[in-house]
């Protein structure tokens, strides 16, 4: 009788447990991280290494920025200077006193031009630009850009050769960057060079002015 009561009690208990299990429901709730946990997660993501593509993009931006800085810097060749500017820089190096005296703060003292192929200037000057003071043969300064340098030619009449016709032609090669570094760095230098360059007239304009003045003189 005792044994049956015990078995019956156990059976009823098990039934009650099983009945309870049958009515249990599961609900899924969103996990809400405490503030400190969210901060730790954000910090972890921000310190993770970049993917290779992200790193490559950042490198390209850095390189572009560096390239932009270099192009904005003082790295000059003939593409950055007009014929008048380059000629002015050369004259300031070779004979600044004569050049400044010829300029005299007025247009017309100096003019520039180009030597065409087959001209009577002489074959060694063909294809070169020139700058001169009033057409004086010894004042002609011929120049031609050659990559980062400029080739210069001029008649070197030192008074011992018996005249300009017998004077030798000297040739030099000078770094354009050197000319810029010496005469075209500060704003004052740029203003000076550009002032000279703006007053140097094209050859034909100078000749027209010269012929007009000559005609006026003859009529008087």
C-alpha atoms as a PDB file:
ATOM      1  CA  UNK A   1       0.000   0.000   0.000  1.00  0.00           C
ATOM      2  CA  UNK A   2       2.851   2.435   0.908  1.00  0.00           C
ATOM      3  CA  UNK A   3       4.688   1.480  -2.222  1.00  0.00           C
ATOM      4  CA  UNK A   4       1.640   2.226  -4.362  1.00  0.00           C
ATOM      5  CA  UNK A   5       1.148   5.612  -2.681  1.00  0.00           C
ATOM      6  CA  UNK A   6       4.766   6.573  -3.369  1.00  0.00           C
ATOM      7  CA  UNK A   7       4.543   5.505  -6.996  1.00  0.00           C
ATOM      8  CA  UNK A   8       1.276   7.404  -7.398  1.00  0.00           C
ATOM      9  CA  UNK A   9       2.761  10.536  -5.912  1.00  0.00           C
ATOM     10  CA  UNK A  10       5.791  10.365  -8.180  1.00  0.00           C
ATOM     11  CA  UNK A  11       3.577   9.850 -11.192  1.00  0.00           C
ATOM     12  CA  UNK A  12       1.402  12.857 -10.356  1.00  0.00           C
ATOM     13  CA  UNK A  13       4.498  15.013  -9.836  1.00  0.00           C
ATOM     14  CA  UNK A  14       5.925  14.037 -13.183  1.00  0.00           C
ATOM     15  CA  UNK A  15       2.601  14.740 -14.871  1.00  0.00           C
ATOM     16  CA  UNK A  16       2.487  18.191 -13.341  1.00  0.00           C
ATOM     17  CA  UNK A  17       6.028  18.946 -14.540  1.00  0.00           C
ATOM     18  CA  UNK A  18       5.258  17.714 -18.048  1.00  0.00           C
ATOM     19  CA  UNK A  19       2.069  19.751 -18.122  1.00  0.00           C
ATOM     20  CA  UNK A  20       4.027  22.844 -17.109  1.00  0.00           C
ATOM     21  CA  UNK A  21       6.621  22.226 -19.818  1.00  0.00           C
ATOM     22  CA  UNK A  22       3.942  22.007 -22.451  1.00  0.00           C
ATOM     23  CA  UNK A  23       2.705  25.564 -21.758  1.00  0.00           C
ATOM     24  CA  UNK A  24       6.122  27.295 -21.654  1.00  0.00           C
ATOM     25  CA  UNK A  25       6.604  30.051 -24.371  1.00  0.00           C
ATOM     26  CA  UNK A  26       9.918  31.530 -25.523  1.00  0.00           C
ATOM     27  CA  UNK A  27      10.222  35.249 -26.335  1.00  0.00           C
ATOM     28  CA  UNK A  28      13.217  36.794 -28.068  1.00  0.00           C
ATOM     29  CA  UNK A  29      14.162  40.248 -26.819  1.00  0.00           C
ATOM     30  CA  UNK A  30      16.634  42.656 -28.423  1.00  0.00           C
ATOM     31  CA  UNK A  31      19.837  42.749 -26.481  1.00  0.00           C
ATOM     32  CA  UNK A  32      20.445  46.221 -25.183  1.00  0.00           C
ATOM     33  CA  UNK A  33      24.089  46.860 -24.361  1.00  0.00           C
ATOM     34  CA  UNK A  34      24.765  49.080 -21.407  1.00  0.00           C
ATOM     35  CA  UNK A  35      26.407  52.395 -22.375  1.00  0.00           C
ATOM     36  CA  UNK A  36      29.858  51.251 -21.323  1.00  0.00           C
ATOM     37  CA  UNK A  37      29.556  48.143 -23.486  1.00  0.00           C
ATOM     38  CA  UNK A  38      28.473  50.212 -26.520  1.00  0.00           C
ATOM     39  CA  UNK A  39      31.473  52.457 -26.054  1.00  0.00           C
ATOM     40  CA  UNK A  40      33.790  49.459 -25.880  1.00  0.00           C
ATOM     41  CA  UNK A  41      32.323  48.015 -29.093  1.00  0.00           C
ATOM     42  CA  UNK A  42      32.657  51.330 -30.923  1.00  0.00           C
ATOM     43  CA  UNK A  43      36.220  51.687 -29.717  1.00  0.00           C
ATOM     44  CA  UNK A  44      37.041  48.168 -30.876  1.00  0.00           C
ATOM     45  CA  UNK A  45      35.674  48.836 -34.380  1.00  0.00           C
ATOM     46  CA  UNK A  46      37.506  52.141 -34.658  1.00  0.00           C
ATOM     47  CA  UNK A  47      40.837  50.516 -33.830  1.00  0.00           C
ATOM     48  CA  UNK A  48      40.474  47.562 -36.198  1.00  0.00           C
ATOM     49  CA  UNK A  49      43.011  47.540 -39.088  1.00  0.00           C
ATOM     50  CA  UNK A  50      41.731  48.823 -42.432  1.00  0.00           C
ATOM     51  CA  UNK A  51      41.052  46.481 -45.280  1.00  0.00           C
ATOM     52  CA  UNK A  52      43.590  46.473 -48.085  1.00  0.00           C
ATOM     53  CA  UNK A  53      41.259  48.444 -50.384  1.00  0.00           C
ATOM     54  CA  UNK A  54      40.696  51.140 -47.749  1.00  0.00           C
ATOM     55  CA  UNK A  55      44.401  51.396 -47.108  1.00  0.00           C
ATOM     56  CA  UNK A  56      45.024  51.675 -50.834  1.00  0.00           C
ATOM     57  CA  UNK A  57      42.474  54.476 -51.137  1.00  0.00           C
ATOM     58  CA  UNK A  58      44.068  56.376 -48.291  1.00  0.00           C
ATOM     59  CA  UNK A  59      47.502  55.944 -49.834  1.00  0.00           C
ATOM     60  CA  UNK A  60      46.232  57.285 -53.148  1.00  0.00           C
ATOM     61  CA  UNK A  61      44.810  60.351 -51.423  1.00  0.00           C
ATOM     62  CA  UNK A  62      48.105  60.904 -49.644  1.00  0.00           C
ATOM     63  CA  UNK A  63      50.030  60.537 -52.873  1.00  0.00           C
ATOM     64  CA  UNK A  64      47.687  62.913 -54.680  1.00  0.00           C
ATOM     65  CA  UNK A  65      48.132  65.467 -51.920  1.00  0.00           C
ATOM     66  CA  UNK A  66      51.894  65.110 -52.112  1.00  0.00           C
ATOM     67  CA  UNK A  67      51.814  65.465 -55.889  1.00  0.00           C
ATOM     68  CA  UNK A  68      49.681  68.588 -55.600  1.00  0.00           C
ATOM     69  CA  UNK A  69      52.149  70.081 -53.148  1.00  0.00           C
ATOM     70  CA  UNK A  70      55.035  69.403 -55.513  1.00  0.00           C
ATOM     71  CA  UNK A  71      53.252  70.930 -58.495  1.00  0.00           C
ATOM     72  CA  UNK A  72      52.489  74.056 -56.470  1.00  0.00           C
ATOM     73  CA  UNK A  73      56.121  74.330 -55.408  1.00  0.00           C
ATOM     74  CA  UNK A  74      58.943  76.179 -57.163  1.00  0.00           C
ATOM     75  CA  UNK A  75      59.814  73.559 -59.730  1.00  0.00           C
ATOM     76  CA  UNK A  76      60.191  75.476 -62.980  1.00  0.00           C
ATOM     77  CA  UNK A  77      60.935  74.721 -66.591  1.00  0.00           C
ATOM     78  CA  UNK A  78      60.277  76.662 -69.787  1.00  0.00           C
ATOM     79  CA  UNK A  79      56.548  75.803 -69.696  1.00  0.00           C
ATOM     80  CA  UNK A  80      56.107  78.050 -66.662  1.00  0.00           C
ATOM     81  CA  UNK A  81      57.831  81.104 -68.158  1.00  0.00           C
ATOM     82  CA  UNK A  82      57.152  83.286 -71.175  1.00  0.00           C
ATOM     83  CA  UNK A  83      59.904  84.144 -73.642  1.00  0.00           C
ATOM     84  CA  UNK A  84      60.122  87.618 -72.093  1.00  0.00           C
ATOM     85  CA  UNK A  85      60.350  86.259 -68.546  1.00  0.00           C
ATOM     86  CA  UNK A  86      63.009  83.697 -69.409  1.00  0.00           C
ATOM     87  CA  UNK A  87      64.981  86.265 -71.393  1.00  0.00           C
ATOM     88  CA  UNK A  88      64.794  88.681 -68.469  1.00  0.00           C
ATOM     89  CA  UNK A  89      66.125  86.085 -66.044  1.00  0.00           C
ATOM     90  CA  UNK A  90      69.043  85.339 -68.375  1.00  0.00           C
ATOM     91  CA  UNK A  91      69.857  89.043 -68.792  1.00  0.00           C
ATOM     92  CA  UNK A  92      69.800  89.572 -65.033  1.00  0.00           C
ATOM     93  CA  UNK A  93      72.403  86.831 -64.784  1.00  0.00           C
ATOM     94  CA  UNK A  94      74.617  87.778 -67.729  1.00  0.00           C
ATOM     95  CA  UNK A  95      74.580  91.592 -67.830  1.00  0.00           C
ATOM     96  CA  UNK A  96      72.103  93.169 -65.403  1.00  0.00           C
ATOM     97  CA  UNK A  97      73.476  96.720 -65.682  1.00  0.00           C
ATOM     98  CA  UNK A  98      73.163  96.938 -69.463  1.00  0.00           C
ATOM     99  CA  UNK A  99      69.758  95.271 -69.346  1.00  0.00           C
ATOM    100  CA  UNK A 100      68.351  97.626 -66.717  1.00  0.00           C
ATOM    101  CA  UNK A 101      69.837 100.630 -68.479  1.00  0.00           C
ATOM    102  CA  UNK A 102      68.206  99.629 -71.756  1.00  0.00           C
ATOM    103  CA  UNK A 103      64.874  99.073 -70.045  1.00  0.00           C
ATOM    104  CA  UNK A 104      64.863 102.488 -68.372  1.00  0.00           C
ATOM    105  CA  UNK A 105      61.346 101.860 -67.092  1.00  0.00           C
ATOM    106  CA  UNK A 106      59.824 102.467 -70.523  1.00  0.00           C
ATOM    107  CA  UNK A 107      58.555 100.139 -73.265  1.00  0.00           C
ATOM    108  CA  UNK A 108      60.628 100.035 -76.432  1.00  0.00           C
ATOM    109  CA  UNK A 109      64.172  99.783 -75.137  1.00  0.00           C
ATOM    110  CA  UNK A 110      64.196  96.019 -75.563  1.00  0.00           C
ATOM    111  CA  UNK A 111      62.520  93.641 -77.954  1.00  0.00           C
ATOM    112  CA  UNK A 112      62.325  89.897 -78.494  1.00  0.00           C
ATOM    113  CA  UNK A 113      61.695  87.516 -81.347  1.00  0.00           C
ATOM    114  CA  UNK A 114      62.445  84.109 -82.826  1.00  0.00           C
ATOM    115  CA  UNK A 115      64.999  83.125 -85.450  1.00  0.00           C
ATOM    116  CA  UNK A 116      63.252  81.219 -88.262  1.00  0.00           C
ATOM    117  CA  UNK A 117      64.849  78.359 -90.122  1.00  0.00           C
ATOM    118  CA  UNK A 118      66.811  79.561 -93.134  1.00  0.00           C
ATOM    119  CA  UNK A 119      67.140  83.141 -91.892  1.00  0.00           C
ATOM    120  CA  UNK A 120      70.281  85.201 -92.365  1.00  0.00           C
ATOM    121  CA  UNK A 121      70.923  85.335 -88.624  1.00  0.00           C
ATOM    122  CA  UNK A 122      73.173  82.308 -89.026  1.00  0.00           C
ATOM    123  CA  UNK A 123      72.393  78.612 -88.949  1.00  0.00           C
ATOM    124  CA  UNK A 124      73.664  78.165 -85.399  1.00  0.00           C
ATOM    125  CA  UNK A 125      70.852  80.468 -84.192  1.00  0.00           C
ATOM    126  CA  UNK A 126      67.995  78.914 -86.159  1.00  0.00           C
ATOM    127  CA  UNK A 127      65.059  77.916 -83.992  1.00  0.00           C
ATOM    128  CA  UNK A 128      66.209  80.008 -81.031  1.00  0.00           C
ATOM    129  CA  UNK A 129      64.482  82.930 -79.334  1.00  0.00           C
ATOM    130  CA  UNK A 130      66.365  86.152 -78.782  1.00  0.00           C
ATOM    131  CA  UNK A 131      66.258  89.326 -76.748  1.00  0.00           C
ATOM    132  CA  UNK A 132      68.161  92.445 -77.761  1.00  0.00           C
ATOM    133  CA  UNK A 133      68.797  96.059 -76.808  1.00  0.00           C
ATOM    134  CA  UNK A 134      67.845  98.315 -79.697  1.00  0.00           C
ATOM    135  CA  UNK A 135      69.161  95.797 -82.216  1.00  0.00           C
ATOM    136  CA  UNK A 136      72.800  96.245 -81.238  1.00  0.00           C
ATOM    137  CA  UNK A 137      74.568  93.101 -82.579  1.00  0.00           C
ATOM    138  CA  UNK A 138      76.530  92.547 -79.386  1.00  0.00           C
ATOM    139  CA  UNK A 139      73.373  92.819 -77.282  1.00  0.00           C
ATOM    140  CA  UNK A 140      71.628  89.887 -78.941  1.00  0.00           C
ATOM    141  CA  UNK A 141      71.127  87.102 -76.449  1.00  0.00           C
ATOM    142  CA  UNK A 142      69.930  83.888 -78.083  1.00  0.00           C
ATOM    143  CA  UNK A 143      68.358  81.171 -75.984  1.00  0.00           C
ATOM    144  CA  UNK A 144      66.488  77.910 -76.361  1.00  0.00           C
ATOM    145  CA  UNK A 145      64.955  75.702 -73.641  1.00  0.00           C
ATOM    146  CA  UNK A 146      66.517  72.265 -73.393  1.00  0.00           C
ATOM    147  CA  UNK A 147      64.572  70.239 -70.818  1.00  0.00           C
ATOM    148  CA  UNK A 148      65.319  71.661 -67.372  1.00  0.00           C
ATOM    149  CA  UNK A 149      68.073  73.870 -68.818  1.00  0.00           C
ATOM    150  CA  UNK A 150      68.297  76.730 -71.260  1.00  0.00           C
ATOM    151  CA  UNK A 151      71.011  76.950 -73.927  1.00  0.00           C
ATOM    152  CA  UNK A 152      72.417  80.464 -74.326  1.00  0.00           C
ATOM    153  CA  UNK A 153      74.436  81.844 -77.230  1.00  0.00           C
ATOM    154  CA  UNK A 154      75.908  85.321 -77.585  1.00  0.00           C
ATOM    155  CA  UNK A 155      78.630  87.176 -79.472  1.00  0.00           C
ATOM    156  CA  UNK A 156      81.571  87.668 -77.144  1.00  0.00           C
ATOM    157  CA  UNK A 157      83.220  90.832 -78.397  1.00  0.00           C
ATOM    158  CA  UNK A 158      85.904  91.660 -75.879  1.00  0.00           C
ATOM    159  CA  UNK A 159      87.529  94.264 -78.114  1.00  0.00           C
ATOM    160  CA  UNK A 160      90.467  92.112 -79.136  1.00  0.00           C
ATOM    161  CA  UNK A 161      89.016  90.366 -82.175  1.00  0.00           C
ATOM    162  CA  UNK A 162      88.859  93.317 -84.557  1.00  0.00           C
ATOM    163  CA  UNK A 163      85.104  93.822 -84.501  1.00  0.00           C
ATOM    164  CA  UNK A 164      81.827  92.017 -84.065  1.00  0.00           C
ATOM    165  CA  UNK A 165      82.184  90.132 -87.355  1.00  0.00           C
ATOM    166  CA  UNK A 166      85.252  88.339 -86.039  1.00  0.00           C
ATOM    167  CA  UNK A 167      84.075  87.873 -82.456  1.00  0.00           C
ATOM    168  CA  UNK A 168      83.430  84.304 -81.334  1.00  0.00           C
ATOM    169  CA  UNK A 169      79.998  83.010 -80.378  1.00  0.00           C
ATOM    170  CA  UNK A 170      79.914  81.544 -76.912  1.00  0.00           C
ATOM    171  CA  UNK A 171      77.497  78.835 -75.838  1.00  0.00           C
ATOM    172  CA  UNK A 172      76.394  78.103 -72.290  1.00  0.00           C
ATOM    173  CA  UNK A 173      73.816  75.861 -70.633  1.00  0.00           C
ATOM    174  CA  UNK A 174      72.151  77.091 -67.452  1.00  0.00           C
ATOM    175  CA  UNK A 175      69.580  75.490 -65.173  1.00  0.00           C
ATOM    176  CA  UNK A 176      66.221  77.250 -65.398  1.00  0.00           C
ATOM    177  CA  UNK A 177      65.617  76.345 -61.770  1.00  0.00           C
ATOM    178  CA  UNK A 178      68.822  78.150 -60.841  1.00  0.00           C
ATOM    179  CA  UNK A 179      67.632  81.303 -62.610  1.00  0.00           C
ATOM    180  CA  UNK A 180      64.334  81.105 -60.761  1.00  0.00           C
ATOM    181  CA  UNK A 181      66.009  80.495 -57.415  1.00  0.00           C
ATOM    182  CA  UNK A 182      68.294  83.494 -57.926  1.00  0.00           C
ATOM    183  CA  UNK A 183      65.864  86.011 -59.401  1.00  0.00           C
ATOM    184  CA  UNK A 184      62.248  84.826 -59.139  1.00  0.00           C
ATOM    185  CA  UNK A 185      61.520  83.642 -55.592  1.00  0.00           C
ATOM    186  CA  UNK A 186      60.233  86.547 -53.495  1.00  0.00           C
ATOM    187  CA  UNK A 187      57.216  88.601 -54.508  1.00  0.00           C
ATOM    188  CA  UNK A 188      59.441  91.660 -54.960  1.00  0.00           C
ATOM    189  CA  UNK A 189      61.651  89.701 -57.364  1.00  0.00           C
ATOM    190  CA  UNK A 190      58.622  88.479 -59.305  1.00  0.00           C
ATOM    191  CA  UNK A 191      57.241  92.005 -59.550  1.00  0.00           C
ATOM    192  CA  UNK A 192      60.590  93.267 -60.846  1.00  0.00           C
ATOM    193  CA  UNK A 193      60.998  90.502 -63.439  1.00  0.00           C
ATOM    194  CA  UNK A 194      57.398  90.765 -64.620  1.00  0.00           C
ATOM    195  CA  UNK A 195      57.738  94.541 -64.882  1.00  0.00           C
ATOM    196  CA  UNK A 196      60.720  94.159 -67.205  1.00  0.00           C
ATOM    197  CA  UNK A 197      59.030  91.369 -69.173  1.00  0.00           C
ATOM    198  CA  UNK A 198      55.881  93.418 -69.756  1.00  0.00           C
ATOM    199  CA  UNK A 199      57.935  96.247 -71.266  1.00  0.00           C
ATOM    200  CA  UNK A 200      59.822  94.016 -73.722  1.00  0.00           C
ATOM    201  CA  UNK A 201      58.084  94.421 -77.071  1.00  0.00           C
ATOM    202  CA  UNK A 202      57.728  91.925 -79.923  1.00  0.00           C
ATOM    203  CA  UNK A 203      60.223  92.507 -82.719  1.00  0.00           C
ATOM    204  CA  UNK A 204      57.662  93.643 -85.295  1.00  0.00           C
ATOM    205  CA  UNK A 205      56.082  96.148 -82.929  1.00  0.00           C
ATOM    206  CA  UNK A 206      59.498  97.565 -82.117  1.00  0.00           C
ATOM    207  CA  UNK A 207      60.388  97.817 -85.839  1.00  0.00           C
ATOM    208  CA  UNK A 208      57.087  99.552 -86.629  1.00  0.00           C
ATOM    209  CA  UNK A 209      57.748 102.056 -83.880  1.00  0.00           C
ATOM    210  CA  UNK A 210      61.340 102.546 -85.036  1.00  0.00           C
ATOM    211  CA  UNK A 211      60.300 103.108 -88.658  1.00  0.00           C
ATOM    212  CA  UNK A 212      57.600 105.541 -87.583  1.00  0.00           C
ATOM    213  CA  UNK A 213      60.066 107.556 -85.538  1.00  0.00           C
ATOM    214  CA  UNK A 214      62.593 107.515 -88.391  1.00  0.00           C
ATOM    215  CA  UNK A 215      59.951 108.727 -90.832  1.00  0.00           C
ATOM    216  CA  UNK A 216      58.942 111.545 -88.511  1.00  0.00           C
ATOM    217  CA  UNK A 217      62.563 112.601 -88.128  1.00  0.00           C
ATOM    218  CA  UNK A 218      63.134 112.622 -91.894  1.00  0.00           C
ATOM    219  CA  UNK A 219      60.038 114.744 -92.469  1.00  0.00           C
ATOM    220  CA  UNK A 220      61.269 117.294 -89.991  1.00  0.00           C
END
